[in-house]
Amino acid sequence: MSTKSLVVDEKPWNTNHRTDRNFNVRLNVWTLRAIGTWPRSSNNSSLKIIEHVCLNVLSYSLLAFILIPGAMFIVLENKDFYSQMKLGSALSFFMMAMIKYCVLIIREDDIRRCVEYIEDDWRHVKHNEDRRIMLENASFCRRLVVICGAFMYGGVVFYYIALPLTRGKIVEEGGNLTYTRLVYPFPRILLDARRSPVNEILYTVQLLSGFVAHNITVASCGLAALLAMHACGQLQVLMSWLEKLVDGRENDGESLDQRLANVVEHHVRIINFISHTEDLLQEISLVEIVGCTLNMCCLGYYALTEWDPKDPVSGLTYIILLTSVTFNIFIFCYIGELLAEQTVKVGEKSYMIDWHRMPGKKSLAISLVILMSRSTTRITAGNIIELSISSFGIVIKTSVAYLNMLRQLTM
C-alpha cells in the first residue's frame, strides 16, 4: 500500500490541526522517541539522525546487558530449579521486549505512513461534530496509555527499587564484605558483582535496562491504542456522515452525489488504514499474547509462593507486575473488539438511514457499504488469534491452567 493511497494533499480545513494532532500523539511521541523508534522525517538534520541511531544502539545494549549475563548465570552457576525458573521468566520479558523493539525499528516506514494518515485526517476535518468525535477518541487513547504507563513504570519502581532496598544488604567474609543484592544475578566469570563500585554500577545499568524494557511495552501498547482508536474515531465520523447523507447539513452546498462520493471514499480509506494497522501490529500482538500468557502464569505463582504478611513488599511487587501484564494484554484485546464492533455498526447505520428516499439507483451504493462492513477487517495476533474479549478470556484461562500445573509440579 503506497502513501498516496492514505494521504491526500489538500488545503487544510481545520486551522487547529497541529494542536489537535499533537494532543492525539504526544504521549506516543514521548514513549517511542525515548527509545529511538519514533519515525524520522525526511528533513531531519544530521544531529537528529545521530541521536536516533545512538538511542537504538543504547537500547539494544541495555537489553542485551540483561539477556546475555542472565543466560550465562542460568547455565554456568545456578543449579536451583526455582531460581532458574524465576530468572528465566524475567529474561523472557526482556526477550519479548527485544523482539518488539526489532519490529518497531523494522516497521518504521509503516509507522510513519500511519502517522501521516492521522495528520491528514486532522488536517481535513470539516465539521465541528467530526472534530469532537475525534477528540473524544484521542482522549480515550491517552487514558489507556496513561493507565498502561502507570502500571508498567510502577512495576519498575517496585521491582527495581523497592524490592532490592527492602531485602537488606548481604554480609560475607566475616563482615569484611557488605553489598546489595542485584535485581538480576551477574555471573562471576565476567565480574565480581559484590565489590564496590562494580555493584553500584551494575545495579544502575540494570535499572536503566528495566526502564527500557518496560518503556518498549508501553510504547507498543500505546501505538496499538493510537491506531485502533483513530480508526474507531473515523468510523464514528463516517456514521455521522451517513446520518446526514440523504438530507445534507444546514448551510452545506454539497449535492447528494458529492456526499455519497465522500462517504464511499472515506469508507475505503478507513478500511485501508485498518488493514495497514493489522499488518503493522500482528507481530507485536502475537508476542504479547504468547509472552503475557506465560508471564501471567509465572507472576501469579511467585505472588502465591512469596507472599508474607510480615514483609508484603515482595508479594505486592509481583501482584503489581501481574496487574500490569494483565491490563496490557487486555488493552490489545479490547481495542480489537471495539474496532470490530465499530466496523459492523457502519453497516447497521447504512441500513437504518432513509436510503429508500434516494433518487434513482443511487441507493445501490449503500448496499456496497453494507457489504464492505460485513466483511470486517479485524486485528489479529500473527494472523492466528483474533484480538477480542473472548481471546482475553482464553488467555486468562490458559495462564490459570498453566499456574495450576506449575503448582502441582513444584509444591
Protein backbone atom coordinates (compact mmCIF):
# COMPACT_ATOMS: atom_id res chain seq x y z
CA MET A 1 0.00 0.00 0.00
CA SER A 2 1.54 3.28 -1.04
CA THR A 3 1.50 6.51 0.91
CA LYS A 4 -0.58 8.15 -1.81
CA SER A 5 -3.49 5.85 -1.04
CA LEU A 6 -3.57 7.09 2.55
CA VAL A 7 -2.59 10.75 2.40
CA VAL A 8 -4.45 13.41 0.47
CA ASP A 9 -2.64 16.70 -0.11
CA GLU A 10 -5.37 19.32 0.02
CA LYS A 11 -5.84 22.68 1.66
CA PRO A 12 -6.42 22.15 5.41
CA TRP A 13 -9.94 22.78 6.71
CA ASN A 14 -9.09 22.52 10.41
CA THR A 15 -6.97 25.51 11.41
CA ASN A 16 -6.18 23.82 14.75
CA HIS A 17 -4.98 20.62 13.14
CA ARG A 18 -1.43 20.86 14.52
CA THR A 19 -2.68 21.34 18.09
CA ASP A 20 -5.19 18.51 17.71
CA ARG A 21 -2.62 16.23 16.16
CA ASN A 22 -0.10 16.93 18.94
CA PHE A 23 -2.79 16.24 21.55
CA ASN A 24 -3.51 12.91 19.85
CA VAL A 25 0.08 11.61 19.53
CA ARG A 26 2.02 13.45 22.25
CA LEU A 27 2.25 10.51 24.68
CA ASN A 28 3.19 8.17 21.85
CA VAL A 29 5.94 10.56 20.77
CA TRP A 30 7.38 10.59 24.29
CA THR A 31 7.44 6.81 24.71
CA LEU A 32 8.65 5.99 21.19
CA ARG A 33 11.20 8.79 20.95
CA ALA A 34 12.79 7.79 24.27
CA ILE A 35 13.90 4.50 22.68
CA GLY A 36 14.58 5.90 19.19
CA THR A 37 11.58 4.35 17.41
CA TRP A 38 9.51 7.42 16.57
CA PRO A 39 9.70 7.63 12.75
CA ARG A 40 12.22 10.12 11.43
CA SER A 41 11.09 12.79 8.99
CA SER A 42 12.79 13.21 5.62
CA ASN A 43 14.23 16.61 6.56
CA ASN A 44 15.91 15.54 9.81
CA SER A 45 19.29 17.09 10.49
CA SER A 46 22.44 15.02 10.84
CA LEU A 47 22.37 15.61 14.60
CA LYS A 48 18.86 14.15 14.83
CA ILE A 49 19.89 11.10 12.82
CA ILE A 50 22.92 10.53 15.06
CA GLU A 51 20.73 10.88 18.15
CA HIS A 52 18.26 8.37 16.70
CA VAL A 53 20.99 5.81 15.96
CA CYS A 54 22.61 6.29 19.38
CA LEU A 55 19.29 5.63 21.12
CA ASN A 56 18.88 2.44 19.07
CA VAL A 57 22.37 1.21 19.99
CA LEU A 58 21.90 2.14 23.64
CA SER A 59 18.53 0.37 23.89
CA TYR A 60 19.87 -2.79 22.24
CA SER A 61 22.90 -2.75 24.54
CA LEU A 62 20.81 -2.34 27.71
CA LEU A 63 18.51 -5.21 26.73
CA ALA A 64 21.48 -7.43 25.86
CA PHE A 65 23.10 -6.49 29.19
CA ILE A 66 20.32 -8.40 30.97
CA LEU A 67 19.79 -11.22 28.47
CA ILE A 68 23.38 -12.40 27.92
CA PRO A 69 24.70 -12.40 31.54
CA GLY A 70 21.35 -13.78 32.76
CA ALA A 71 21.52 -16.73 30.35
CA MET A 72 25.15 -17.36 31.32
CA PHE A 73 24.24 -17.35 35.02
CA ILE A 74 21.47 -19.93 34.48
CA VAL A 75 23.76 -22.25 32.53
CA LEU A 76 27.00 -21.89 34.48
CA GLU A 77 26.19 -21.07 38.10
CA ASN A 78 22.52 -21.50 39.01
CA LYS A 79 21.52 -25.08 39.91
CA ASP A 80 18.29 -24.41 41.84
CA PHE A 81 15.14 -25.07 39.78
CA TYR A 82 13.02 -22.35 41.40
CA SER A 83 15.76 -19.74 40.93
CA GLN A 84 16.28 -20.84 37.32
CA MET A 85 12.55 -20.57 36.62
CA LYS A 86 12.33 -17.17 38.29
CA LEU A 87 15.27 -15.74 36.37
CA GLY A 88 14.15 -17.42 33.14
CA SER A 89 10.68 -15.84 33.29
CA ALA A 90 12.27 -12.43 33.87
CA LEU A 91 14.56 -12.97 30.88
CA SER A 92 11.53 -13.94 28.77
CA PHE A 93 10.11 -10.46 29.41
CA PHE A 94 13.34 -8.93 28.11
CA MET A 95 13.29 -11.27 25.11
CA MET A 96 9.74 -10.10 24.36
CA ALA A 97 10.92 -6.51 24.62
CA MET A 98 13.83 -7.23 22.28
CA ILE A 99 11.53 -8.77 19.64
CA LYS A 100 9.04 -5.91 19.86
CA TYR A 101 11.85 -3.40 19.65
CA CYS A 102 13.18 -5.04 16.48
CA VAL A 103 9.67 -4.93 14.98
CA LEU A 104 9.27 -1.24 15.83
CA ILE A 105 12.56 -0.43 14.10
CA ILE A 106 11.87 -2.59 11.05
CA ARG A 107 8.37 -1.13 10.75
CA GLU A 108 9.50 2.50 10.95
CA ASP A 109 8.22 3.30 7.45
CA ASP A 110 4.84 1.72 8.25
CA ILE A 111 4.57 3.72 11.47
CA ARG A 112 5.44 6.90 9.57
CA ARG A 113 2.77 6.16 6.98
CA CYS A 114 0.10 5.67 9.66
CA VAL A 115 1.14 8.87 11.44
CA GLU A 116 0.90 10.76 8.16
CA TYR A 117 -2.56 9.34 7.68
CA ILE A 118 -3.58 10.56 11.17
CA GLU A 119 -2.15 14.00 10.46
CA ASP A 120 -4.07 14.15 7.19
CA ASP A 121 -7.34 13.28 8.94
CA TRP A 122 -6.86 16.04 11.48
CA ARG A 123 -5.93 18.48 8.72
CA HIS A 124 -9.13 17.88 6.76
CA VAL A 125 -11.77 17.91 9.50
CA LYS A 126 -14.67 19.88 8.02
CA HIS A 127 -17.30 19.89 10.77
CA ASN A 128 -17.15 20.63 14.50
CA GLU A 129 -19.04 17.42 15.21
CA ASP A 130 -16.35 15.39 13.44
CA ARG A 131 -13.63 17.17 15.41
CA ARG A 132 -15.49 16.48 18.67
CA ILE A 133 -15.73 12.76 17.86
CA MET A 134 -12.03 12.55 17.02
CA LEU A 135 -11.03 14.43 20.18
CA GLU A 136 -13.13 12.08 22.31
CA ASN A 137 -11.37 9.05 20.84
CA ALA A 138 -7.99 10.76 21.22
CA SER A 139 -8.74 11.43 24.90
CA PHE A 140 -9.72 7.80 25.45
CA CYS A 141 -6.50 6.67 23.77
CA ARG A 142 -4.47 8.93 26.06
CA ARG A 143 -6.20 7.47 29.11
CA LEU A 144 -5.31 3.95 28.00
CA VAL A 145 -1.65 4.93 27.56
CA VAL A 146 -1.55 6.69 30.94
CA ILE A 147 -3.01 3.70 32.78
CA CYS A 148 -0.68 1.27 30.99
CA GLY A 149 2.30 3.53 31.78
CA ALA A 150 1.29 3.87 35.43
CA PHE A 151 1.21 0.10 35.90
CA MET A 152 4.40 -0.56 33.93
CA TYR A 153 6.50 2.23 35.45
CA GLY A 154 5.05 1.36 38.86
CA GLY A 155 6.41 -2.14 38.31
CA VAL A 156 9.84 -0.62 37.66
CA VAL A 157 9.70 1.31 40.94
CA PHE A 158 8.71 -1.76 42.98
CA TYR A 159 10.80 -4.44 41.25
CA TYR A 160 13.99 -2.45 40.65
CA ILE A 161 13.99 -0.03 43.61
CA ALA A 162 11.67 -1.02 46.47
CA LEU A 163 12.31 -4.78 46.38
CA PRO A 164 16.17 -4.64 46.38
CA LEU A 165 16.25 -1.96 49.10
CA THR A 166 13.92 -3.87 51.45
CA ARG A 167 15.92 -7.10 51.20
CA GLY A 168 18.79 -5.62 53.14
CA LYS A 169 22.50 -5.94 52.48
CA ILE A 170 24.41 -9.21 52.38
CA VAL A 171 27.42 -9.64 54.67
CA GLU A 172 30.21 -12.09 53.73
CA GLU A 173 33.85 -12.84 54.57
CA GLY A 174 33.38 -12.38 58.30
CA GLY A 175 31.86 -8.94 57.97
CA ASN A 176 34.57 -7.57 55.67
CA LEU A 177 32.33 -7.59 52.57
CA THR A 178 28.91 -5.92 52.52
CA TYR A 179 26.93 -5.45 49.32
CA THR A 180 23.40 -5.04 47.97
CA ARG A 181 21.80 -7.92 46.07
CA LEU A 182 21.37 -7.06 42.38
CA VAL A 183 17.99 -7.22 40.68
CA TYR A 184 19.39 -9.88 38.33
CA PRO A 185 22.36 -12.06 39.35
CA PHE A 186 25.57 -11.48 37.45
CA PRO A 187 27.97 -14.35 36.59
CA ARG A 188 31.27 -14.16 38.45
CA ILE A 189 33.07 -15.41 35.35
CA LEU A 190 32.56 -11.89 33.95
CA LEU A 191 32.73 -9.67 37.04
CA ASP A 192 32.55 -9.97 40.81
CA ALA A 193 29.34 -8.02 41.42
CA ARG A 194 29.92 -7.98 45.18
CA ARG A 195 32.71 -5.42 45.06
CA SER A 196 32.21 -1.66 45.07
CA PRO A 197 31.87 0.31 42.79
CA VAL A 198 31.08 -2.60 40.43
CA ASN A 199 27.98 -3.45 42.44
CA GLU A 200 26.58 0.10 42.22
CA ILE A 201 27.38 0.40 38.51
CA LEU A 202 25.73 -2.91 37.64
CA TYR A 203 22.64 -2.01 39.67
CA THR A 204 22.31 1.32 37.88
CA VAL A 205 22.66 -0.28 34.45
CA GLN A 206 20.09 -2.95 35.36
CA LEU A 207 17.69 -0.21 36.47
CA LEU A 208 18.11 1.55 33.12
CA SER A 209 17.64 -1.77 31.30
CA GLY A 210 14.41 -2.38 33.17
CA PHE A 211 13.14 1.07 32.27
CA VAL A 212 13.90 0.47 28.58
CA ALA A 213 12.14 -2.93 28.57
CA HIS A 214 9.04 -1.57 30.30
CA ASN A 215 9.04 1.53 28.11
CA ILE A 216 9.06 -0.67 24.99
CA THR A 217 5.95 -2.40 26.33
CA VAL A 218 4.23 0.93 26.99
CA ALA A 219 5.26 2.21 23.55
CA SER A 220 3.90 -0.89 21.80
CA CYS A 221 0.64 -0.77 23.70
CA GLY A 222 0.32 2.97 23.12
CA LEU A 223 0.93 2.58 19.39
CA ALA A 224 -1.76 -0.09 19.14
CA ALA A 225 -4.20 2.11 21.08
CA LEU A 226 -3.38 5.14 18.91
CA LEU A 227 -4.02 3.38 15.61
CA ALA A 228 -7.09 1.42 16.71
CA MET A 229 -8.80 4.35 18.44
CA HIS A 230 -8.11 6.64 15.49
CA ALA A 231 -9.75 4.07 13.21
CA CYS A 232 -12.72 3.89 15.60
CA GLY A 233 -12.98 7.68 15.52
CA GLN A 234 -13.00 7.70 11.73
CA LEU A 235 -15.71 5.02 11.66
CA GLN A 236 -17.82 7.15 14.01
CA VAL A 237 -17.26 10.16 11.76
CA LEU A 238 -18.40 8.06 8.81
CA MET A 239 -21.59 7.11 10.67
CA SER A 240 -22.19 10.80 11.33
CA TRP A 241 -21.87 11.45 7.59
CA LEU A 242 -24.32 8.64 6.85
CA GLU A 243 -26.92 10.25 9.11
CA LYS A 244 -26.68 13.44 7.03
CA LEU A 245 -26.37 11.67 3.69
CA VAL A 246 -29.93 11.97 2.40
CA ASP A 247 -30.91 15.47 3.59
CA GLY A 248 -27.48 17.00 3.97
CA ARG A 249 -26.34 19.53 6.55
CA GLU A 250 -27.57 23.05 7.09
CA ASN A 251 -25.72 25.66 5.02
CA ASP A 252 -23.93 22.86 3.15
CA GLY A 253 -23.93 23.25 -0.62
CA GLU A 254 -22.82 19.71 -1.43
CA SER A 255 -25.08 17.68 -3.68
CA LEU A 256 -26.25 14.15 -2.91
CA ASP A 257 -23.72 12.76 -5.38
CA GLN A 258 -20.89 14.62 -3.67
CA ARG A 259 -21.97 13.43 -0.20
CA LEU A 260 -22.31 9.86 -1.45
CA ALA A 261 -18.87 10.00 -3.08
CA ASN A 262 -17.36 11.35 0.16
CA VAL A 263 -18.92 8.52 2.18
CA VAL A 264 -17.65 5.80 -0.16
CA GLU A 265 -14.18 7.34 -0.45
CA HIS A 266 -13.85 7.80 3.30
CA HIS A 267 -15.00 4.25 3.96
CA VAL A 268 -12.39 2.87 1.58
CA ARG A 269 -9.69 4.97 3.28
CA ILE A 270 -10.69 3.63 6.69
CA ILE A 271 -10.65 0.02 5.51
CA ASN A 272 -7.19 0.58 4.01
CA PHE A 273 -5.98 2.11 7.26
CA ILE A 274 -7.35 -0.78 9.34
CA SER A 275 -5.68 -3.26 7.01
CA HIS A 276 -2.41 -1.36 7.35
CA THR A 277 -2.81 -1.32 11.14
CA GLU A 278 -3.34 -5.09 11.12
CA ASP A 279 -0.12 -5.59 9.14
CA LEU A 280 1.81 -3.31 11.48
CA LEU A 281 0.61 -4.82 14.76
CA GLN A 282 0.35 -8.53 14.04
CA GLU A 283 3.90 -9.43 15.16
CA ILE A 284 3.72 -7.26 18.28
CA SER A 285 0.29 -8.65 19.16
CA LEU A 286 1.49 -12.24 18.77
CA VAL A 287 4.46 -11.61 21.06
CA GLU A 288 2.14 -10.02 23.63
CA ILE A 289 -0.41 -12.85 23.53
CA VAL A 290 2.14 -15.67 23.88
CA GLY A 291 4.52 -13.87 26.25
CA CYS A 292 1.87 -12.42 28.55
CA THR A 293 0.19 -15.82 28.92
CA LEU A 294 3.44 -17.26 30.30
CA ASN A 295 4.26 -14.15 32.34
CA MET A 296 0.83 -14.10 33.97
CA CYS A 297 1.26 -17.74 34.96
CA CYS A 298 4.72 -17.19 36.48
CA LEU A 299 3.89 -13.90 38.22
CA GLY A 300 0.78 -15.42 39.78
CA TYR A 301 2.88 -18.34 41.01
CA TYR A 302 5.52 -16.04 42.53
CA ALA A 303 2.85 -13.91 44.22
CA LEU A 304 1.42 -17.03 45.87
CA THR A 305 4.72 -18.58 46.95
CA GLU A 306 6.45 -15.41 48.18
CA TRP A 307 3.56 -13.69 49.92
CA ASP A 308 4.47 -12.90 53.53
CA PRO A 309 2.11 -10.77 55.70
CA LYS A 310 5.07 -9.58 57.78
CA ASP A 311 7.01 -8.44 54.69
CA PRO A 312 4.48 -7.87 51.88
CA VAL A 313 6.81 -5.95 49.54
CA SER A 314 7.84 -8.99 47.51
CA GLY A 315 4.31 -10.34 47.08
CA LEU A 316 2.93 -6.87 46.38
CA THR A 317 5.58 -6.32 43.72
CA TYR A 318 4.55 -9.46 41.84
CA ILE A 319 0.87 -8.51 42.15
CA ILE A 320 1.59 -5.11 40.59
CA LEU A 321 3.59 -6.73 37.79
CA LEU A 322 0.80 -9.27 37.25
CA THR A 323 -1.77 -6.46 37.08
CA SER A 324 0.31 -4.51 34.59
CA VAL A 325 0.80 -7.51 32.30
CA THR A 326 -2.90 -8.42 32.52
CA PHE A 327 -4.03 -4.90 31.75
CA ASN A 328 -1.57 -4.66 28.88
CA ILE A 329 -2.95 -7.71 27.10
CA PHE A 330 -6.49 -6.54 27.93
CA ILE A 331 -5.84 -3.30 26.03
CA PHE A 332 -4.85 -5.21 22.90
CA CYS A 333 -7.93 -7.43 23.09
CA TYR A 334 -10.29 -4.60 24.00
CA ILE A 335 -9.29 -2.29 21.15
CA GLY A 336 -9.55 -5.22 18.74
CA GLU A 337 -13.10 -5.90 19.96
CA LEU A 338 -14.01 -2.21 19.85
CA LEU A 339 -12.73 -1.79 16.31
CA ALA A 340 -14.64 -4.85 15.09
CA GLU A 341 -17.85 -3.55 16.68
CA GLN A 342 -17.49 -0.10 15.11
CA THR A 343 -16.91 -1.66 11.69
CA VAL A 344 -20.13 -3.68 11.96
CA LYS A 345 -22.04 -0.62 13.20
CA VAL A 346 -21.25 1.17 9.94
CA GLY A 347 -23.27 -1.46 8.06
CA GLU A 348 -26.11 -1.19 10.57
CA LYS A 349 -26.15 2.60 10.31
CA SER A 350 -26.14 2.37 6.50
CA TYR A 351 -29.26 0.23 6.58
CA MET A 352 -31.07 2.46 9.10
CA ILE A 353 -30.83 5.69 7.09
CA ASP A 354 -33.62 6.73 4.69
CA TRP A 355 -31.87 5.18 1.71
CA HIS A 356 -35.26 4.50 0.08
CA ARG A 357 -35.68 8.26 -0.43
CA MET A 358 -32.60 8.49 -2.61
CA PRO A 359 -33.49 9.06 -6.27
CA GLY A 360 -32.89 6.52 -9.00
CA LYS A 361 -30.40 3.76 -8.36
CA LYS A 362 -28.13 5.81 -6.13
CA SER A 363 -29.21 3.77 -3.12
CA LEU A 364 -27.33 0.80 -4.61
CA ALA A 365 -24.10 2.41 -3.39
CA ILE A 366 -25.35 1.92 0.18
CA SER A 367 -25.53 -1.83 -0.38
CA LEU A 368 -21.82 -1.78 -1.23
CA VAL A 369 -21.08 -0.02 2.06
CA ILE A 370 -23.13 -2.64 3.92
CA LEU A 371 -21.31 -5.49 2.18
CA MET A 372 -17.90 -4.00 2.92
CA SER A 373 -18.89 -3.57 6.58
CA ARG A 374 -19.94 -7.20 6.85
CA SER A 375 -16.52 -8.36 5.67
CA THR A 376 -15.00 -6.92 8.82
CA THR A 377 -11.28 -6.26 8.91
CA ARG A 378 -10.08 -7.38 12.33
CA ILE A 379 -6.82 -7.07 14.19
CA THR A 380 -5.15 -10.42 14.77
CA ALA A 381 -2.05 -11.71 16.51
CA GLY A 382 0.12 -13.03 13.70
CA ASN A 383 -2.95 -13.94 11.60
CA ILE A 384 -3.55 -16.70 14.16
CA ILE A 385 -5.54 -15.29 17.10
CA GLU A 386 -8.24 -12.67 16.68
CA LEU A 387 -7.94 -9.90 19.27
CA SER A 388 -11.24 -9.75 21.14
CA ILE A 389 -12.67 -10.00 24.65
CA SER A 390 -13.21 -13.73 24.14
CA SER A 391 -9.50 -14.06 23.28
CA PHE A 392 -8.66 -12.26 26.52
CA GLY A 393 -10.76 -14.80 28.40
CA ILE A 394 -8.89 -17.63 26.69
CA VAL A 395 -5.56 -16.08 27.71
CA ILE A 396 -6.70 -15.84 31.34
CA LYS A 397 -7.94 -19.43 31.37
CA THR A 398 -4.74 -20.71 29.76
CA SER A 399 -2.49 -18.88 32.21
CA VAL A 400 -4.52 -20.17 35.19
CA ALA A 401 -4.30 -23.70 33.81
CA TYR A 402 -0.51 -23.39 33.49
CA LEU A 403 -0.39 -21.97 37.03
CA ASN A 404 -2.24 -24.98 38.43
CA MET A 405 0.09 -27.34 36.57
CA LEU A 406 3.11 -25.47 37.93
CA ARG A 407 1.82 -25.65 41.50
CA GLN A 408 1.22 -29.39 41.22
CA LEU A 409 4.74 -29.97 39.90
CA THR A 410 6.58 -27.84 42.46
CA MET A 411 4.51 -27.93 45.65
